[in-house]
Amino acid sequence: MASSIGNEKSVNPVLRISQLDALELNKALEQLVWSQFTSCFHGFKPGVLANFEPEVKAFLCLILWRFTVYSKNSTVGQSILNIQYKNNLSQTEKYQPLSKHQKLWYLIFTVGGRWLEERCYDLFSNCQQQSFGKIKSYISFGAGLFKLCGLVNFLIFLQKGTFATLTERILGIRSVFCKPQSVRQVGFEYMNRELLWHGFAEFLIYLLPLINVQKLKLKISSWCLPIADLSNTENSLAGHCRECSLCGEWPTMPHTIGCPHVFCYYCIKSNYLFDMYFTCPKCDSEVHTLQPLKYKIEMTELHV
């Protein structure tokens, strides 16, 4: 009964982007399973899984294959996207599930091939040096040829839209939709919002280095905390030199710029080197002359 119902299913071709998304979801799931598995060994001695890492990965992939391709004719990524594998070797156009041989060969090509790639050098390392060199060259040539065939298959896939991987083409398995797909409704609100935000962010990245933030901050602070003008008398200067007009602390090596306020030498020097048009944050006076303060204030006056 199940086979007769499956034979009645029509074949719905899968978009290229959906097939590529399914492959990426499969890779993400394998990485997630591996990270969750290795987290169980954080309390053990480092390097416990190093010697058996290929075998452990193969075992985990075997479990995933058992409950996905073997039982449902689709990988996890395909199940999420409503896709499954079809036996493309069948003569009929109706849906035909994968045969057991195709499922077993799929396991050998995907899981076994990956395990062999990671273990091939260890398997032949016990051979003689000369023979091992020949085997290594053959393995490198075979791996390069396989990758070249994969590249050619991918180019054909981009043109025709079938067999996203070389394994699918060799085994004759094709990705099809489980159910007919409705017309895709594309919404551009999110895309427009992202484009607008990225454009605004790039504009800020270009604009911020051109703004003198330190000067702007001092300007705003002078507006928020206005101070009455002071006369340039010695008493006024001596009375207001107990703190630096920039850092607010007791001035170290006090200097003046020609106004009644006092600055630490390092504060005024660094700001003036940073901005040649630096002005006093208290009275907005420009830097006329940078000279040390001639009037000495004792530290005991802080407690007065």
C-alpha atoms as a PDB file:
ATOM      1  CA  MET A   1       0.000   0.000   0.000  1.00  0.00           C
ATOM      2  CA  ALA A   2       2.764   2.428   0.897  1.00  0.00           C
ATOM      3  CA  SER A   3       4.605   1.669  -2.328  1.00  0.00           C
ATOM      4  CA  SER A   4       1.493   2.215  -4.406  1.00  0.00           C
ATOM      5  CA  ILE A   5       0.863   5.554  -2.738  1.00  0.00           C
ATOM      6  CA  GLY A   6       4.502   6.558  -3.285  1.00  0.00           C
ATOM      7  CA  ASN A   7       4.243   5.662  -6.961  1.00  0.00           C
ATOM      8  CA  GLU A   8       1.335   8.047  -7.351  1.00  0.00           C
ATOM      9  CA  LYS A   9       3.355  11.025  -6.206  1.00  0.00           C
ATOM     10  CA  SER A  10       4.315  13.422  -8.934  1.00  0.00           C
ATOM     11  CA  VAL A  11       7.852  14.777  -9.281  1.00  0.00           C
ATOM     12  CA  ASN A  12       8.372  18.458  -8.464  1.00  0.00           C
ATOM     13  CA  PRO A  13      11.810  19.804  -9.469  1.00  0.00           C
ATOM     14  CA  VAL A  14      13.763  21.587  -6.745  1.00  0.00           C
ATOM     15  CA  LEU A  15      15.254  25.050  -7.154  1.00  0.00           C
ATOM     16  CA  ARG A  16      19.033  25.293  -7.185  1.00  0.00           C
ATOM     17  CA  ILE A  17      19.091  27.575  -4.149  1.00  0.00           C
ATOM     18  CA  SER A  18      16.983  25.085  -2.167  1.00  0.00           C
ATOM     19  CA  GLN A  19      19.406  22.252  -2.917  1.00  0.00           C
ATOM     20  CA  LEU A  20      22.397  24.362  -1.884  1.00  0.00           C
ATOM     21  CA  ASP A  21      20.582  25.448   1.284  1.00  0.00           C
ATOM     22  CA  ALA A  22      19.949  21.804   2.147  1.00  0.00           C
ATOM     23  CA  LEU A  23      23.666  21.010   1.800  1.00  0.00           C
ATOM     24  CA  GLU A  24      24.587  23.915   4.069  1.00  0.00           C
ATOM     25  CA  LEU A  25      22.024  22.812   6.657  1.00  0.00           C
ATOM     26  CA  ASN A  26      23.508  19.315   6.627  1.00  0.00           C
ATOM     27  CA  LYS A  27      26.995  20.709   7.302  1.00  0.00           C
ATOM     28  CA  ALA A  28      25.681  22.933  10.091  1.00  0.00           C
ATOM     29  CA  LEU A  29      23.917  19.972  11.721  1.00  0.00           C
ATOM     30  CA  GLU A  30      27.053  17.806  11.615  1.00  0.00           C
ATOM     31  CA  GLN A  31      29.093  20.576  13.228  1.00  0.00           C
ATOM     32  CA  LEU A  32      26.413  21.073  15.888  1.00  0.00           C
ATOM     33  CA  VAL A  33      26.287  17.366  16.730  1.00  0.00           C
ATOM     34  CA  TRP A  34      30.089  17.186  16.898  1.00  0.00           C
ATOM     35  CA  SER A  35      30.349  20.245  19.157  1.00  0.00           C
ATOM     36  CA  GLN A  36      27.675  18.861  21.494  1.00  0.00           C
ATOM     37  CA  PHE A  37      29.443  15.498  21.606  1.00  0.00           C
ATOM     38  CA  THR A  38      32.888  16.969  22.333  1.00  0.00           C
ATOM     39  CA  SER A  39      31.426  19.141  25.093  1.00  0.00           C
ATOM     40  CA  CYS A  40      30.798  15.922  27.061  1.00  0.00           C
ATOM     41  CA  PHE A  41      34.580  15.375  27.269  1.00  0.00           C
ATOM     42  CA  HIS A  42      35.593  18.804  28.563  1.00  0.00           C
ATOM     43  CA  GLY A  43      36.290  17.332  31.992  1.00  0.00           C
ATOM     44  CA  PHE A  44      38.600  14.642  30.629  1.00  0.00           C
ATOM     45  CA  LYS A  45      42.266  14.825  29.809  1.00  0.00           C
ATOM     46  CA  PRO A  46      42.947  16.979  26.723  1.00  0.00           C
ATOM     47  CA  GLY A  47      43.449  14.981  23.544  1.00  0.00           C
ATOM     48  CA  VAL A  48      41.303  11.988  24.542  1.00  0.00           C
ATOM     49  CA  LEU A  49      39.417  12.055  21.211  1.00  0.00           C
ATOM     50  CA  ALA A  50      42.383  13.090  19.075  1.00  0.00           C
ATOM     51  CA  ASN A  51      43.430   9.523  18.186  1.00  0.00           C
ATOM     52  CA  PHE A  52      39.893   8.348  17.411  1.00  0.00           C
ATOM     53  CA  GLU A  53      38.362  11.538  15.996  1.00  0.00           C
ATOM     54  CA  PRO A  54      37.770  10.205  12.416  1.00  0.00           C
ATOM     55  CA  GLU A  55      36.111   7.033  13.735  1.00  0.00           C
ATOM     56  CA  VAL A  56      33.898   8.968  16.159  1.00  0.00           C
ATOM     57  CA  LYS A  57      32.811  11.387  13.422  1.00  0.00           C
ATOM     58  CA  ALA A  58      32.051   8.449  11.123  1.00  0.00           C
ATOM     59  CA  PHE A  59      29.968   6.776  13.848  1.00  0.00           C
ATOM     60  CA  LEU A  60      27.938   9.935  14.459  1.00  0.00           C
ATOM     61  CA  CYS A  61      27.369  10.373  10.722  1.00  0.00           C
ATOM     62  CA  LEU A  62      26.299   6.726  10.542  1.00  0.00           C
ATOM     63  CA  ILE A  63      23.637   7.388  13.160  1.00  0.00           C
ATOM     64  CA  LEU A  64      22.414  10.445  11.259  1.00  0.00           C
ATOM     65  CA  TRP A  65      22.311   8.433   8.023  1.00  0.00           C
ATOM     66  CA  ARG A  66      20.289   5.671   9.701  1.00  0.00           C
ATOM     67  CA  PHE A  67      17.516   8.009  10.823  1.00  0.00           C
ATOM     68  CA  THR A  68      17.501  10.306   7.789  1.00  0.00           C
ATOM     69  CA  VAL A  69      18.485   8.891   4.379  1.00  0.00           C
ATOM     70  CA  TYR A  70      17.883   5.233   5.242  1.00  0.00           C
ATOM     71  CA  SER A  71      14.472   5.698   6.858  1.00  0.00           C
ATOM     72  CA  LYS A  72      13.118   8.884   5.214  1.00  0.00           C
ATOM     73  CA  ASN A  73      14.960   9.103   1.859  1.00  0.00           C
ATOM     74  CA  SER A  74      16.130  12.614   2.762  1.00  0.00           C
ATOM     75  CA  THR A  75      18.741  14.341   4.839  1.00  0.00           C
ATOM     76  CA  VAL A  76      17.918  16.632   7.741  1.00  0.00           C
ATOM     77  CA  GLY A  77      18.417  19.754   5.657  1.00  0.00           C
ATOM     78  CA  GLN A  78      16.154  18.369   2.942  1.00  0.00           C
ATOM     79  CA  SER A  79      13.453  17.486   5.479  1.00  0.00           C
ATOM     80  CA  ILE A  80      13.441  21.059   6.759  1.00  0.00           C
ATOM     81  CA  LEU A  81      13.026  22.387   3.196  1.00  0.00           C
ATOM     82  CA  ASN A  82      10.380  19.793   2.222  1.00  0.00           C
ATOM     83  CA  ILE A  83      12.783  17.930  -0.095  1.00  0.00           C
ATOM     84  CA  GLN A  84      13.546  14.240  -0.506  1.00  0.00           C
ATOM     85  CA  TYR A  85      15.636  11.999  -2.749  1.00  0.00           C
ATOM     86  CA  LYS A  86      14.137  10.262  -5.803  1.00  0.00           C
ATOM     87  CA  ASN A  87      15.530   7.225  -7.588  1.00  0.00           C
ATOM     88  CA  ASN A  88      16.345   8.834 -10.931  1.00  0.00           C
ATOM     89  CA  LEU A  89      17.361   5.487 -12.449  1.00  0.00           C
ATOM     90  CA  SER A  90      13.735   4.357 -12.602  1.00  0.00           C
ATOM     91  CA  GLN A  91      12.032   4.514 -15.976  1.00  0.00           C
ATOM     92  CA  THR A  92       8.834   6.084 -14.689  1.00  0.00           C
ATOM     93  CA  GLU A  93       8.382   9.812 -14.076  1.00  0.00           C
ATOM     94  CA  LYS A  94       6.489   9.154 -10.868  1.00  0.00           C
ATOM     95  CA  TYR A  95       8.258   9.289  -7.529  1.00  0.00           C
ATOM     96  CA  GLN A  96      10.347   6.225  -6.698  1.00  0.00           C
ATOM     97  CA  PRO A  97      12.154   5.922  -3.317  1.00  0.00           C
ATOM     98  CA  LEU A  98      15.807   5.040  -3.140  1.00  0.00           C
ATOM     99  CA  SER A  99      16.814   1.416  -3.283  1.00  0.00           C
ATOM    100  CA  LYS A 100      18.800  -0.179  -0.469  1.00  0.00           C
ATOM    101  CA  HIS A 101      21.879  -0.367  -2.673  1.00  0.00           C
ATOM    102  CA  GLN A 102      21.696   3.355  -3.380  1.00  0.00           C
ATOM    103  CA  LYS A 103      21.372   4.101   0.335  1.00  0.00           C
ATOM    104  CA  LEU A 104      24.342   1.882   1.205  1.00  0.00           C
ATOM    105  CA  TRP A 105      26.512   3.379  -1.537  1.00  0.00           C
ATOM    106  CA  TYR A 106      25.474   6.847  -0.379  1.00  0.00           C
ATOM    107  CA  LEU A 107      26.774   5.907   3.080  1.00  0.00           C
ATOM    108  CA  ILE A 108      30.036   4.586   1.610  1.00  0.00           C
ATOM    109  CA  PHE A 109      30.664   7.654  -0.549  1.00  0.00           C
ATOM    110  CA  THR A 110      29.809  10.265   2.085  1.00  0.00           C
ATOM    111  CA  VAL A 111      30.785   8.771   5.452  1.00  0.00           C
ATOM    112  CA  GLY A 112      33.344   6.213   4.257  1.00  0.00           C
ATOM    113  CA  GLY A 113      34.996   8.594   1.825  1.00  0.00           C
ATOM    114  CA  ARG A 114      35.411  11.254   4.496  1.00  0.00           C
ATOM    115  CA  TRP A 115      36.823   8.712   6.955  1.00  0.00           C
ATOM    116  CA  LEU A 116      39.278   7.396   4.352  1.00  0.00           C
ATOM    117  CA  GLU A 117      40.409  10.931   3.523  1.00  0.00           C
ATOM    118  CA  GLU A 118      41.230  11.608   7.173  1.00  0.00           C
ATOM    119  CA  ARG A 119      42.851   8.210   7.836  1.00  0.00           C
ATOM    120  CA  CYS A 120      44.610   7.430   4.569  1.00  0.00           C
ATOM    121  CA  TYR A 121      48.025   8.718   5.645  1.00  0.00           C
ATOM    122  CA  ASP A 122      47.867   6.847   8.953  1.00  0.00           C
ATOM    123  CA  LEU A 123      46.862   3.619   7.217  1.00  0.00           C
ATOM    124  CA  PHE A 124      49.844   3.634   4.842  1.00  0.00           C
ATOM    125  CA  SER A 125      52.431   5.228   7.133  1.00  0.00           C
ATOM    126  CA  ASN A 126      53.733   1.823   8.267  1.00  0.00           C
ATOM    127  CA  CYS A 127      54.808   0.930   4.733  1.00  0.00           C
ATOM    128  CA  GLN A 128      58.326   1.418   3.487  1.00  0.00           C
ATOM    129  CA  GLN A 129      59.443   4.939   2.807  1.00  0.00           C
ATOM    130  CA  GLN A 130      59.618   4.512  -0.967  1.00  0.00           C
ATOM    131  CA  SER A 131      56.294   2.728  -1.279  1.00  0.00           C
ATOM    132  CA  PHE A 132      54.659   5.206   1.075  1.00  0.00           C
ATOM    133  CA  GLY A 133      55.859   8.067  -1.122  1.00  0.00           C
ATOM    134  CA  LYS A 134      54.251   6.452  -4.178  1.00  0.00           C
ATOM    135  CA  ILE A 135      51.007   5.790  -2.316  1.00  0.00           C
ATOM    136  CA  LYS A 136      50.974   9.365  -1.063  1.00  0.00           C
ATOM    137  CA  SER A 137      51.378  10.693  -4.594  1.00  0.00           C
ATOM    138  CA  TYR A 138      48.591   8.419  -5.849  1.00  0.00           C
ATOM    139  CA  ILE A 139      46.305   9.566  -3.045  1.00  0.00           C
ATOM    140  CA  SER A 140      47.053  13.221  -3.755  1.00  0.00           C
ATOM    141  CA  PHE A 141      46.412  12.681  -7.475  1.00  0.00           C
ATOM    142  CA  GLY A 142      43.150  10.869  -6.770  1.00  0.00           C
ATOM    143  CA  ALA A 143      41.967  13.573  -4.355  1.00  0.00           C
ATOM    144  CA  GLY A 144      42.786  16.292  -6.872  1.00  0.00           C
ATOM    145  CA  LEU A 145      40.991  14.409  -9.671  1.00  0.00           C
ATOM    146  CA  PHE A 146      37.945  13.903  -7.459  1.00  0.00           C
ATOM    147  CA  LYS A 147      37.811  17.613  -6.609  1.00  0.00           C
ATOM    148  CA  LEU A 148      38.132  18.490 -10.287  1.00  0.00           C
ATOM    149  CA  CYS A 149      35.219  16.201 -11.118  1.00  0.00           C
ATOM    150  CA  GLY A 150      33.244  17.824  -8.305  1.00  0.00           C
ATOM    151  CA  LEU A 151      33.922  21.255  -9.780  1.00  0.00           C
ATOM    152  CA  VAL A 152      32.775  20.128 -13.249  1.00  0.00           C
ATOM    153  CA  ASN A 153      29.653  18.586 -11.717  1.00  0.00           C
ATOM    154  CA  PHE A 154      28.891  21.832  -9.880  1.00  0.00           C
ATOM    155  CA  LEU A 155      29.169  23.833 -13.103  1.00  0.00           C
ATOM    156  CA  ILE A 156      26.767  21.409 -14.793  1.00  0.00           C
ATOM    157  CA  PHE A 157      24.459  21.709 -11.793  1.00  0.00           C
ATOM    158  CA  LEU A 158      24.382  25.494 -12.120  1.00  0.00           C
ATOM    159  CA  GLN A 159      23.341  25.105 -15.747  1.00  0.00           C
ATOM    160  CA  LYS A 160      20.789  22.277 -15.493  1.00  0.00           C
ATOM    161  CA  GLY A 161      19.734  22.395 -11.830  1.00  0.00           C
ATOM    162  CA  THR A 162      20.056  18.661 -11.072  1.00  0.00           C
ATOM    163  CA  PHE A 163      22.593  16.592  -9.060  1.00  0.00           C
ATOM    164  CA  ALA A 164      24.108  19.182  -6.719  1.00  0.00           C
ATOM    165  CA  THR A 165      26.898  16.803  -5.677  1.00  0.00           C
ATOM    166  CA  LEU A 166      29.019  14.279  -7.535  1.00  0.00           C
ATOM    167  CA  THR A 167      27.709  11.490  -5.295  1.00  0.00           C
ATOM    168  CA  GLU A 168      24.131  12.186  -6.383  1.00  0.00           C
ATOM    169  CA  ARG A 169      25.131  12.058 -10.065  1.00  0.00           C
ATOM    170  CA  ILE A 170      27.066   8.781  -9.684  1.00  0.00           C
ATOM    171  CA  LEU A 171      24.277   7.046  -7.746  1.00  0.00           C
ATOM    172  CA  GLY A 172      21.479   8.510  -9.869  1.00  0.00           C
ATOM    173  CA  ILE A 173      19.552  10.122  -7.002  1.00  0.00           C
ATOM    174  CA  ARG A 174      17.762  13.400  -7.517  1.00  0.00           C
ATOM    175  CA  SER A 175      16.270  15.972  -5.162  1.00  0.00           C
ATOM    176  CA  VAL A 176      12.533  16.615  -5.569  1.00  0.00           C
ATOM    177  CA  PHE A 177       9.891  18.405  -3.515  1.00  0.00           C
ATOM    178  CA  CYS A 178       7.706  16.234  -1.317  1.00  0.00           C
ATOM    179  CA  LYS A 179       4.664  18.412  -1.996  1.00  0.00           C
ATOM    180  CA  PRO A 180       3.838  20.894  -4.766  1.00  0.00           C
ATOM    181  CA  GLN A 181       5.194  24.318  -3.935  1.00  0.00           C
ATOM    182  CA  SER A 182       2.996  27.395  -4.018  1.00  0.00           C
ATOM    183  CA  VAL A 183       4.032  30.612  -5.693  1.00  0.00           C
ATOM    184  CA  ARG A 184       6.829  32.258  -3.743  1.00  0.00           C
ATOM    185  CA  GLN A 185       5.907  35.581  -2.201  1.00  0.00           C
ATOM    186  CA  VAL A 186       8.979  37.740  -1.934  1.00  0.00           C
ATOM    187  CA  GLY A 187       8.847  40.580   0.604  1.00  0.00           C
ATOM    188  CA  PHE A 188      11.298  43.411   0.218  1.00  0.00           C
ATOM    189  CA  GLU A 189      10.585  45.250   3.494  1.00  0.00           C
ATOM    190  CA  TYR A 190      13.321  43.492   5.409  1.00  0.00           C
ATOM    191  CA  MET A 191      15.787  43.882   2.530  1.00  0.00           C
ATOM    192  CA  ASN A 192      15.042  47.596   2.211  1.00  0.00           C
ATOM    193  CA  ARG A 193      15.464  48.074   5.955  1.00  0.00           C
ATOM    194  CA  GLU A 194      18.800  46.258   5.930  1.00  0.00           C
ATOM    195  CA  LEU A 195      20.049  48.261   2.947  1.00  0.00           C
ATOM    196  CA  LEU A 196      19.002  51.505   4.612  1.00  0.00           C
ATOM    197  CA  TRP A 197      20.701  50.602   7.882  1.00  0.00           C
ATOM    198  CA  HIS A 198      23.937  49.484   6.189  1.00  0.00           C
ATOM    199  CA  GLY A 199      24.007  52.701   4.159  1.00  0.00           C
ATOM    200  CA  PHE A 200      23.535  54.769   7.305  1.00  0.00           C
ATOM    201  CA  ALA A 201      26.231  52.791   9.141  1.00  0.00           C
ATOM    202  CA  GLU A 202      28.721  53.307   6.312  1.00  0.00           C
ATOM    203  CA  PHE A 203      27.927  57.028   6.326  1.00  0.00           C
ATOM    204  CA  LEU A 204      28.636  57.213  10.070  1.00  0.00           C
ATOM    205  CA  ILE A 205      31.899  55.299   9.646  1.00  0.00           C
ATOM    206  CA  TYR A 206      32.958  57.875   7.049  1.00  0.00           C
ATOM    207  CA  LEU A 207      31.729  60.887   9.049  1.00  0.00           C
ATOM    208  CA  LEU A 208      32.863  60.134  12.616  1.00  0.00           C
ATOM    209  CA  PRO A 209      36.638  60.447  11.987  1.00  0.00           C
ATOM    210  CA  LEU A 210      36.020  63.963  10.629  1.00  0.00           C
ATOM    211  CA  ILE A 211      34.378  65.148  13.867  1.00  0.00           C
ATOM    212  CA  ASN A 212      36.483  66.502  16.716  1.00  0.00           C
ATOM    213  CA  VAL A 213      34.667  64.713  19.502  1.00  0.00           C
ATOM    214  CA  GLN A 214      36.889  66.124  22.267  1.00  0.00           C
ATOM    215  CA  LYS A 215      36.290  69.699  21.215  1.00  0.00           C
ATOM    216  CA  LEU A 216      32.576  69.108  20.812  1.00  0.00           C
ATOM    217  CA  LYS A 217      32.400  67.561  24.272  1.00  0.00           C
ATOM    218  CA  LEU A 218      34.205  70.498  25.841  1.00  0.00           C
ATOM    219  CA  LYS A 219      31.970  72.913  23.983  1.00  0.00           C
ATOM    220  CA  ILE A 220      28.819  71.239  25.251  1.00  0.00           C
ATOM    221  CA  SER A 221      30.182  71.106  28.790  1.00  0.00           C
ATOM    222  CA  SER A 222      30.917  74.843  28.660  1.00  0.00           C
ATOM    223  CA  TRP A 223      27.317  75.491  27.603  1.00  0.00           C
ATOM    224  CA  CYS A 224      25.878  73.254  30.316  1.00  0.00           C
ATOM    225  CA  LEU A 225      28.128  74.702  33.052  1.00  0.00           C
ATOM    226  CA  PRO A 226      28.562  78.395  32.215  1.00  0.00           C
ATOM    227  CA  ILE A 227      31.065  80.305  34.278  1.00  0.00           C
ATOM    228  CA  ALA A 228      31.159  84.059  34.632  1.00  0.00           C
ATOM    229  CA  ASP A 229      34.042  85.926  33.048  1.00  0.00           C
ATOM    230  CA  LEU A 230      36.983  86.539  35.327  1.00  0.00           C
ATOM    231  CA  SER A 231      39.444  89.351  35.344  1.00  0.00           C
ATOM    232  CA  ASN A 232      43.102  88.716  34.516  1.00  0.00           C
ATOM    233  CA  THR A 233      44.377  89.806  37.892  1.00  0.00           C
ATOM    234  CA  GLU A 234      46.912  87.961  39.899  1.00  0.00           C
ATOM    235  CA  ASN A 235      44.429  87.209  42.715  1.00  0.00           C
ATOM    236  CA  SER A 236      41.895  85.786  40.275  1.00  0.00           C
ATOM    237  CA  LEU A 237      44.526  83.644  38.632  1.00  0.00           C
ATOM    238  CA  ALA A 238      45.878  82.413  41.942  1.00  0.00           C
ATOM    239  CA  GLY A 239      42.364  81.688  43.245  1.00  0.00           C
ATOM    240  CA  HIS A 240      41.369  79.506  40.286  1.00  0.00           C
ATOM    241  CA  CYS A 241      44.550  77.539  39.755  1.00  0.00           C
ATOM    242  CA  ARG A 242      43.687  74.876  42.282  1.00  0.00           C
ATOM    243  CA  GLU A 243      42.237  72.639  39.547  1.00  0.00           C
ATOM    244  CA  CYS A 244      42.909  71.943  35.889  1.00  0.00           C
ATOM    245  CA  SER A 245      40.172  73.230  33.611  1.00  0.00           C
ATOM    246  CA  LEU A 246      40.338  70.017  31.598  1.00  0.00           C
ATOM    247  CA  CYS A 247      40.748  67.138  34.032  1.00  0.00           C
ATOM    248  CA  GLY A 248      39.472  68.872  37.192  1.00  0.00           C
ATOM    249  CA  GLU A 249      42.399  67.637  39.300  1.00  0.00           C
ATOM    250  CA  TRP A 250      45.194  69.545  41.040  1.00  0.00           C
ATOM    251  CA  PRO A 251      47.267  70.864  38.099  1.00  0.00           C
ATOM    252  CA  THR A 252      50.522  69.084  37.419  1.00  0.00           C
ATOM    253  CA  MET A 253      53.109  71.524  36.064  1.00  0.00           C
ATOM    254  CA  PRO A 254      50.428  74.246  35.736  1.00  0.00           C
ATOM    255  CA  HIS A 255      50.402  76.257  32.524  1.00  0.00           C
ATOM    256  CA  THR A 256      48.251  79.025  31.105  1.00  0.00           C
ATOM    257  CA  ILE A 257      47.239  79.926  27.565  1.00  0.00           C
ATOM    258  CA  GLY A 258      46.623  83.652  28.157  1.00  0.00           C
ATOM    259  CA  CYS A 259      43.273  83.363  29.938  1.00  0.00           C
ATOM    260  CA  PRO A 260      42.479  83.271  33.703  1.00  0.00           C
ATOM    261  CA  HIS A 261      42.336  79.467  33.771  1.00  0.00           C
ATOM    262  CA  VAL A 262      45.037  76.936  34.529  1.00  0.00           C
ATOM    263  CA  PHE A 263      45.778  73.563  32.913  1.00  0.00           C
ATOM    264  CA  CYS A 264      48.046  70.641  33.497  1.00  0.00           C
ATOM    265  CA  TYR A 265      50.952  70.748  31.093  1.00  0.00           C
ATOM    266  CA  TYR A 266      50.148  67.306  29.672  1.00  0.00           C
ATOM    267  CA  CYS A 267      46.412  68.096  29.367  1.00  0.00           C
ATOM    268  CA  ILE A 268      46.847  71.348  27.449  1.00  0.00           C
ATOM    269  CA  LYS A 269      49.791  70.073  25.394  1.00  0.00           C
ATOM    270  CA  SER A 270      48.017  66.919  24.199  1.00  0.00           C
ATOM    271  CA  ASN A 271      44.809  68.790  23.360  1.00  0.00           C
ATOM    272  CA  TYR A 272      46.690  71.510  21.525  1.00  0.00           C
ATOM    273  CA  LEU A 273      48.661  68.960  19.498  1.00  0.00           C
ATOM    274  CA  PHE A 274      45.435  67.166  18.684  1.00  0.00           C
ATOM    275  CA  ASP A 275      43.611  70.370  17.712  1.00  0.00           C
ATOM    276  CA  MET A 276      45.527  73.464  16.578  1.00  0.00           C
ATOM    277  CA  TYR A 277      42.358  75.537  17.054  1.00  0.00           C
ATOM    278  CA  PHE A 278      41.864  74.436  20.636  1.00  0.00           C
ATOM    279  CA  THR A 279      40.017  76.910  22.875  1.00  0.00           C
ATOM    280  CA  CYS A 280      39.564  77.065  26.616  1.00  0.00           C
ATOM    281  CA  PRO A 281      36.473  75.085  27.662  1.00  0.00           C
ATOM    282  CA  LYS A 282      35.687  77.652  30.339  1.00  0.00           C
ATOM    283  CA  CYS A 283      35.904  80.973  28.504  1.00  0.00           C
ATOM    284  CA  ASP A 284      36.382  79.882  24.873  1.00  0.00           C
ATOM    285  CA  SER A 285      39.708  81.710  24.582  1.00  0.00           C
ATOM    286  CA  GLU A 286      42.185  80.646  21.938  1.00  0.00           C
ATOM    287  CA  VAL A 287      45.694  79.472  22.747  1.00  0.00           C
ATOM    288  CA  HIS A 288      47.918  82.559  22.490  1.00  0.00           C
ATOM    289  CA  THR A 289      50.964  81.511  24.468  1.00  0.00           C
ATOM    290  CA  LEU A 290      51.585  78.324  26.400  1.00  0.00           C
ATOM    291  CA  GLN A 291      53.631  79.317  29.408  1.00  0.00           C
ATOM    292  CA  PRO A 292      54.134  77.920  32.917  1.00  0.00           C
ATOM    293  CA  LEU A 293      52.323  79.517  35.818  1.00  0.00           C
ATOM    294  CA  LYS A 294      54.592  81.842  37.788  1.00  0.00           C
ATOM    295  CA  TYR A 295      52.466  81.896  40.934  1.00  0.00           C
ATOM    296  CA  LYS A 296      53.089  79.084  43.407  1.00  0.00           C
ATOM    297  CA  ILE A 297      50.145  77.590  45.308  1.00  0.00           C
ATOM    298  CA  GLU A 298      50.830  75.442  48.306  1.00  0.00           C
ATOM    299  CA  MET A 299      49.090  72.058  48.603  1.00  0.00           C
ATOM    300  CA  THR A 300      47.827  73.015  52.036  1.00  0.00           C
ATOM    301  CA  GLU A 301      45.471  75.520  50.398  1.00  0.00           C
ATOM    302  CA  LEU A 302      43.347  72.629  49.227  1.00  0.00           C
ATOM    303  CA  HIS A 303      42.016  72.233  52.754  1.00  0.00           C
ATOM    304  CA  VAL A 304      41.318  75.913  53.220  1.00  0.00           C
END
